């Protein structure tokens, strides 16, 4: 009789939300940043995007074919390829962009078990791989539209930047990071669709602002704070990569702790590091700490008192 009251650990509520539906929503949300990147940098940006998406999708298809497994059609490879392209400079050789796509899917995702098993964000893992392997190409943002250093690099050197241009996106940088407005539009789409909430990006951005106010050397200067928020990949990383379901904590408190950690690490890299950026490495390091964060922030089961001893 007692076995009739046994409750399994499986979920008892089935959702109509599918992985492919979530991925399609992310693709739609990335369209404003993608479209502006093509407008800002020209047809070369479109080629980089097409190459990275093709390389990620083809890698997943070939891997499944060689393993005699059915082709995966959840659109996650498309999202990875698109995110990778948006994190690349427009002048990168196309074969490097393709190599990054192969690395993202094969090494970071598939060799660790596929979707849901990867230990870090595949697109950022590939970007960091390319940064280490080809630093000269990955840090060269000169193109037909712009020349010279990125606004964050100018700011790091003590120069003046045009904050309005940074917010609009009329500056040098990677294909998808320049327009803060386009990224915010995409983020609003994800929030309204219920794909993400503000726990991770909100705690990330607030913590980062507090850090640069305390340690950035410019106090509460609104132009400096705005430039730091609009420059680099902070907004793109906060809303589209730090919120990745697989590589973020699942516990509500863990997501806040995760965001706070990302804000501190990004501030450390930007203020005290030799470079002007730091979002990619901050998120990657945060991804590696997710199991620990989840263990520390795991809530006690209903009816069970947490042992404080």
Protein backbone atom coordinates (compact mmCIF):
# COMPACT_ATOMS: atom_id res chain seq x y z
CA UNK A 1 0.00 0.00 0.00
CA UNK A 2 2.83 2.39 0.81
CA UNK A 3 4.20 2.12 -2.73
CA UNK A 4 1.08 3.87 -4.01
CA UNK A 5 2.33 7.05 -2.36
CA UNK A 6 5.79 6.94 -3.85
CA UNK A 7 6.50 10.11 -5.82
CA UNK A 8 9.05 9.91 -8.61
CA UNK A 9 11.65 12.56 -9.34
CA UNK A 10 10.41 13.10 -12.88
CA UNK A 11 8.53 16.33 -13.69
CA UNK A 12 4.76 16.02 -13.63
CA UNK A 13 4.01 19.10 -15.71
CA UNK A 14 4.80 18.95 -19.41
CA UNK A 15 5.51 22.15 -21.22
CA UNK A 16 4.74 22.87 -24.85
CA UNK A 17 8.00 24.84 -25.10
CA UNK A 18 10.53 22.99 -27.27
CA UNK A 19 14.26 23.39 -27.72
CA UNK A 20 13.79 24.32 -31.37
CA UNK A 21 11.19 26.93 -30.36
CA UNK A 22 13.58 28.50 -27.86
CA UNK A 23 16.39 28.52 -30.43
CA UNK A 24 14.14 30.12 -33.03
CA UNK A 25 13.24 32.85 -30.53
CA UNK A 26 16.94 33.49 -29.89
CA UNK A 27 17.61 33.70 -33.63
CA UNK A 28 14.79 36.21 -34.04
CA UNK A 29 16.11 38.23 -31.09
CA UNK A 30 19.57 38.31 -32.66
CA UNK A 31 18.28 39.67 -35.97
CA UNK A 32 18.47 43.38 -34.95
CA UNK A 33 22.14 43.07 -33.97
CA UNK A 34 22.84 40.91 -37.03
CA UNK A 35 21.12 43.30 -39.40
CA UNK A 36 22.89 46.31 -37.95
CA UNK A 37 26.23 44.49 -38.13
CA UNK A 38 25.73 43.89 -41.84
CA UNK A 39 24.62 47.51 -42.34
CA UNK A 40 27.54 48.82 -40.30
CA UNK A 41 30.33 46.71 -41.78
CA UNK A 42 29.01 45.80 -45.21
CA UNK A 43 28.62 42.59 -47.20
CA UNK A 44 31.82 41.14 -45.69
CA UNK A 45 29.96 40.77 -42.38
CA UNK A 46 27.27 38.72 -44.11
CA UNK A 47 29.92 36.37 -45.49
CA UNK A 48 31.42 35.83 -42.04
CA UNK A 49 27.96 35.06 -40.65
CA UNK A 50 27.14 32.62 -43.45
CA UNK A 51 30.48 30.83 -43.08
CA UNK A 52 30.23 30.37 -39.31
CA UNK A 53 26.61 29.18 -39.45
CA UNK A 54 27.39 26.81 -42.32
CA UNK A 55 30.43 25.41 -40.48
CA UNK A 56 28.52 24.77 -37.25
CA UNK A 57 25.54 23.14 -38.96
CA UNK A 58 27.74 21.05 -41.28
CA UNK A 59 29.96 19.91 -38.40
CA UNK A 60 26.94 18.71 -36.44
CA UNK A 61 25.55 16.94 -39.52
CA UNK A 62 28.84 15.19 -40.36
CA UNK A 63 29.36 14.12 -36.76
CA UNK A 64 25.88 12.64 -36.61
CA UNK A 65 26.38 10.90 -39.95
CA UNK A 66 29.70 9.36 -38.84
CA UNK A 67 28.17 8.24 -35.54
CA UNK A 68 25.11 6.92 -37.43
CA UNK A 69 22.84 9.10 -35.39
CA UNK A 70 19.86 11.05 -36.75
CA UNK A 71 20.53 14.63 -37.78
CA UNK A 72 19.71 17.09 -35.01
CA UNK A 73 17.25 19.78 -36.07
CA UNK A 74 16.89 21.84 -32.88
CA UNK A 75 18.57 24.93 -34.43
CA UNK A 76 21.15 25.08 -31.62
CA UNK A 77 24.00 24.84 -34.14
CA UNK A 78 22.55 27.83 -36.02
CA UNK A 79 22.43 29.87 -32.81
CA UNK A 80 26.03 28.91 -31.99
CA UNK A 81 27.23 29.88 -35.47
CA UNK A 82 25.36 33.18 -35.38
CA UNK A 83 26.64 34.09 -31.90
CA UNK A 84 30.18 33.22 -32.93
CA UNK A 85 29.97 35.43 -36.01
CA UNK A 86 28.66 38.34 -33.96
CA UNK A 87 31.73 38.00 -31.73
CA UNK A 88 34.23 38.13 -34.60
CA UNK A 89 35.86 41.11 -36.33
CA UNK A 90 34.62 41.62 -39.85
CA UNK A 91 38.10 41.31 -41.36
CA UNK A 92 38.86 37.83 -40.03
CA UNK A 93 39.84 35.34 -42.77
CA UNK A 94 36.87 33.17 -43.63
CA UNK A 95 38.76 29.95 -43.01
CA UNK A 96 39.44 31.07 -39.43
CA UNK A 97 35.75 31.79 -38.96
CA UNK A 98 34.96 28.29 -40.24
CA UNK A 99 37.58 26.78 -37.93
CA UNK A 100 35.96 28.53 -35.00
CA UNK A 101 32.60 27.04 -35.96
CA UNK A 102 34.06 23.53 -36.12
CA UNK A 103 35.75 23.99 -32.74
CA UNK A 104 32.56 25.30 -31.12
CA UNK A 105 30.42 22.35 -32.21
CA UNK A 106 32.91 19.48 -32.27
CA UNK A 107 35.18 20.20 -29.30
CA UNK A 108 33.05 22.26 -26.91
CA UNK A 109 29.65 20.70 -27.61
CA UNK A 110 29.63 17.26 -29.24
CA UNK A 111 32.69 15.69 -27.62
CA UNK A 112 31.15 16.46 -24.22
CA UNK A 113 27.85 14.78 -25.03
CA UNK A 114 25.98 17.28 -27.19
CA UNK A 115 23.36 19.84 -26.32
CA UNK A 116 22.86 20.05 -22.57
CA UNK A 117 26.23 18.52 -21.73
CA UNK A 118 28.70 21.21 -22.81
CA UNK A 119 30.55 22.78 -19.89
CA UNK A 120 30.93 26.24 -21.44
CA UNK A 121 29.19 28.37 -24.01
CA UNK A 122 30.30 26.94 -27.40
CA UNK A 123 30.41 30.28 -29.21
CA UNK A 124 32.52 31.92 -26.50
CA UNK A 125 34.71 28.83 -26.21
CA UNK A 126 35.44 29.12 -29.93
CA UNK A 127 36.06 32.86 -29.67
CA UNK A 128 38.59 32.36 -26.88
CA UNK A 129 40.22 29.58 -28.91
CA UNK A 130 40.60 31.94 -31.87
CA UNK A 131 41.86 34.75 -29.60
CA UNK A 132 44.61 32.50 -28.27
CA UNK A 133 45.46 30.97 -31.66
CA UNK A 134 45.23 34.07 -33.88
CA UNK A 135 45.45 37.15 -31.62
CA UNK A 136 46.58 39.50 -34.40
CA UNK A 137 43.52 38.78 -36.54
CA UNK A 138 41.07 38.67 -33.63
CA UNK A 139 42.15 42.09 -32.34
CA UNK A 140 42.33 43.81 -35.73
CA UNK A 141 39.09 45.78 -36.14
CA UNK A 142 40.20 47.93 -39.07
CA UNK A 143 37.85 47.74 -42.05
CA UNK A 144 36.52 49.86 -44.88
CA UNK A 145 34.13 51.65 -42.52
CA UNK A 146 36.46 52.23 -39.56
CA UNK A 147 40.14 52.43 -38.74
CA UNK A 148 42.02 52.62 -35.50
CA UNK A 149 41.30 51.21 -32.07
CA UNK A 150 37.93 50.32 -30.60
CA UNK A 151 36.28 52.86 -28.25
CA UNK A 152 37.12 50.74 -25.20
CA UNK A 153 40.78 50.68 -26.20
CA UNK A 154 40.73 54.46 -26.60
CA UNK A 155 39.04 54.78 -23.22
CA UNK A 156 41.60 52.46 -21.66
CA UNK A 157 44.38 54.68 -22.98
CA UNK A 158 42.77 57.76 -21.43
CA UNK A 159 41.31 59.16 -24.63
CA UNK A 160 37.87 60.62 -25.35
CA UNK A 161 35.09 58.63 -27.00
CA UNK A 162 31.76 59.51 -28.57
CA UNK A 163 29.21 57.85 -26.31
CA UNK A 164 26.33 58.57 -28.70
CA UNK A 165 28.09 56.74 -31.52
CA UNK A 166 28.81 53.85 -29.17
CA UNK A 167 25.17 53.52 -28.19
CA UNK A 168 23.99 53.74 -31.80
CA UNK A 169 26.73 51.41 -33.03
CA UNK A 170 28.70 53.60 -35.42
CA UNK A 171 32.05 52.41 -34.09
CA UNK A 172 34.63 49.72 -34.67
CA UNK A 173 34.28 46.37 -32.96
CA UNK A 174 33.04 42.87 -33.60
CA UNK A 175 30.12 42.40 -35.99
CA UNK A 176 27.37 42.17 -33.39
CA UNK A 177 28.62 44.05 -30.34
CA UNK A 178 28.62 47.65 -31.56
CA UNK A 179 24.95 48.68 -31.39
CA UNK A 180 23.69 48.77 -27.83
CA UNK A 181 20.23 49.69 -29.08
CA UNK A 182 19.98 46.68 -31.41
CA UNK A 183 21.10 44.33 -28.64
CA UNK A 184 18.59 45.80 -26.15
CA UNK A 185 15.79 45.37 -28.71
CA UNK A 186 16.73 41.70 -29.05
CA UNK A 187 16.94 41.32 -25.26
CA UNK A 188 13.45 42.77 -24.87
CA UNK A 189 12.14 40.19 -27.32
CA UNK A 190 13.62 37.36 -25.24
CA UNK A 191 12.24 38.82 -22.01
CA UNK A 192 8.74 39.36 -23.44
CA UNK A 193 8.70 35.81 -24.81
CA UNK A 194 9.73 34.48 -21.40
CA UNK A 195 12.95 32.94 -22.73
CA UNK A 196 15.14 34.79 -20.23
CA UNK A 197 14.64 36.89 -17.12
CA UNK A 198 16.77 39.60 -15.51
CA UNK A 199 18.42 37.56 -12.74
CA UNK A 200 21.68 36.95 -14.61
CA UNK A 201 21.95 40.03 -16.87
CA UNK A 202 20.55 42.36 -14.22
CA UNK A 203 22.94 41.26 -11.47
CA UNK A 204 25.78 41.20 -14.04
CA UNK A 205 25.26 44.77 -15.24
CA UNK A 206 24.53 46.27 -11.80
CA UNK A 207 27.60 44.62 -10.26
CA UNK A 208 29.78 45.78 -13.15
CA UNK A 209 28.58 49.37 -12.79
CA UNK A 210 29.28 49.32 -9.04
CA UNK A 211 32.75 47.90 -9.70
CA UNK A 212 33.79 50.53 -12.24
CA UNK A 213 32.38 53.32 -10.05
CA UNK A 214 34.54 52.08 -7.16
CA UNK A 215 37.67 51.12 -9.06
CA UNK A 216 37.47 52.68 -12.52
CA UNK A 217 39.04 55.95 -11.44
CA UNK A 218 36.20 58.13 -12.76
CA UNK A 219 33.68 57.86 -9.95
CA UNK A 220 30.07 58.49 -10.94
CA UNK A 221 30.95 60.05 -14.29
CA UNK A 222 27.88 59.14 -16.43
CA UNK A 223 29.79 59.37 -19.72
CA UNK A 224 32.42 56.90 -18.51
CA UNK A 225 29.79 54.50 -17.16
CA UNK A 226 27.75 54.73 -20.38
CA UNK A 227 30.82 54.12 -22.51
CA UNK A 228 31.74 51.05 -20.47
CA UNK A 229 28.24 49.64 -20.81
CA UNK A 230 27.91 50.38 -24.52
CA UNK A 231 31.42 49.31 -25.47
CA UNK A 232 32.71 45.83 -26.08
CA UNK A 233 30.57 42.74 -25.77
CA UNK A 234 29.05 43.47 -22.36
CA UNK A 235 25.43 43.77 -23.48
CA UNK A 236 25.68 40.94 -26.01
CA UNK A 237 27.33 38.71 -23.43
CA UNK A 238 24.97 39.63 -20.59
CA UNK A 239 21.73 38.98 -22.46
CA UNK A 240 22.62 36.33 -25.04
CA UNK A 241 25.51 34.24 -23.67
CA UNK A 242 25.52 34.51 -19.89
CA UNK A 243 21.83 33.47 -19.99
CA UNK A 244 22.56 30.21 -21.85
CA UNK A 245 20.36 27.56 -20.21
CA UNK A 246 23.08 24.90 -20.26
CA UNK A 247 26.00 26.85 -18.84
CA UNK A 248 24.28 29.06 -16.25
CA UNK A 249 23.15 27.92 -12.78
CA UNK A 250 19.63 26.52 -12.49
CA UNK A 251 18.99 27.78 -8.96
CA UNK A 252 17.51 31.31 -8.67
CA UNK A 253 20.06 32.42 -6.09
CA UNK A 254 22.81 30.75 -8.10
CA UNK A 255 21.90 32.85 -11.13
CA UNK A 256 22.28 36.03 -9.09
CA UNK A 257 25.60 34.86 -7.67
CA UNK A 258 26.68 33.95 -11.21
CA UNK A 259 25.79 37.43 -12.48
CA UNK A 260 27.62 39.12 -9.61
CA UNK A 261 30.71 37.02 -10.32
CA UNK A 262 30.60 37.95 -14.01
CA UNK A 263 30.30 41.64 -13.18
CA UNK A 264 33.30 41.52 -10.85
CA UNK A 265 35.44 39.51 -13.28
CA UNK A 266 34.60 41.76 -16.23
CA UNK A 267 35.49 44.79 -14.11
CA UNK A 268 38.78 43.21 -13.05
CA UNK A 269 39.72 42.42 -16.65
CA UNK A 270 38.79 45.87 -17.93
CA UNK A 271 40.16 48.00 -15.12
CA UNK A 272 43.24 46.08 -13.99
CA UNK A 273 43.98 43.84 -16.98
CA UNK A 274 46.19 44.73 -19.94
CA UNK A 275 43.31 44.60 -22.41
CA UNK A 276 40.18 46.69 -22.80
CA UNK A 277 37.70 43.81 -22.88
CA UNK A 278 37.07 40.78 -20.68
CA UNK A 279 33.47 39.65 -21.17
CA UNK A 280 34.33 36.42 -22.97
CA UNK A 281 36.87 35.24 -20.42
CA UNK A 282 34.63 36.29 -17.52
CA UNK A 283 31.74 34.18 -18.82
CA UNK A 284 33.98 31.21 -19.61
CA UNK A 285 35.43 31.23 -16.09
CA UNK A 286 31.94 31.64 -14.68
CA UNK A 287 30.75 28.63 -16.70
CA UNK A 288 33.47 26.50 -15.10
CA UNK A 289 32.27 27.51 -11.62
CA UNK A 290 28.59 26.77 -12.24
CA UNK A 291 28.65 23.30 -10.55
CA UNK A 292 30.14 24.86 -7.41
CA UNK A 293 27.67 27.76 -7.47
CA UNK A 294 24.75 25.34 -7.81
CA UNK A 295 26.04 23.20 -4.95
CA UNK A 296 26.34 26.20 -2.63
CA UNK A 297 22.98 27.72 -3.58
CA UNK A 298 20.95 24.51 -3.78
CA UNK A 299 17.75 25.07 -1.76
CA UNK A 300 16.79 22.62 0.94
CA UNK A 301 14.09 20.11 0.02
CA UNK A 302 10.60 20.82 1.29
CA UNK A 303 10.30 19.67 4.88
CA UNK A 304 14.07 19.23 5.30
CA UNK A 305 16.06 21.51 7.59
CA UNK A 306 19.43 22.55 6.20
CA UNK A 307 22.32 21.30 8.36
CA UNK A 308 24.25 24.31 9.66
CA UNK A 309 26.84 22.26 11.49
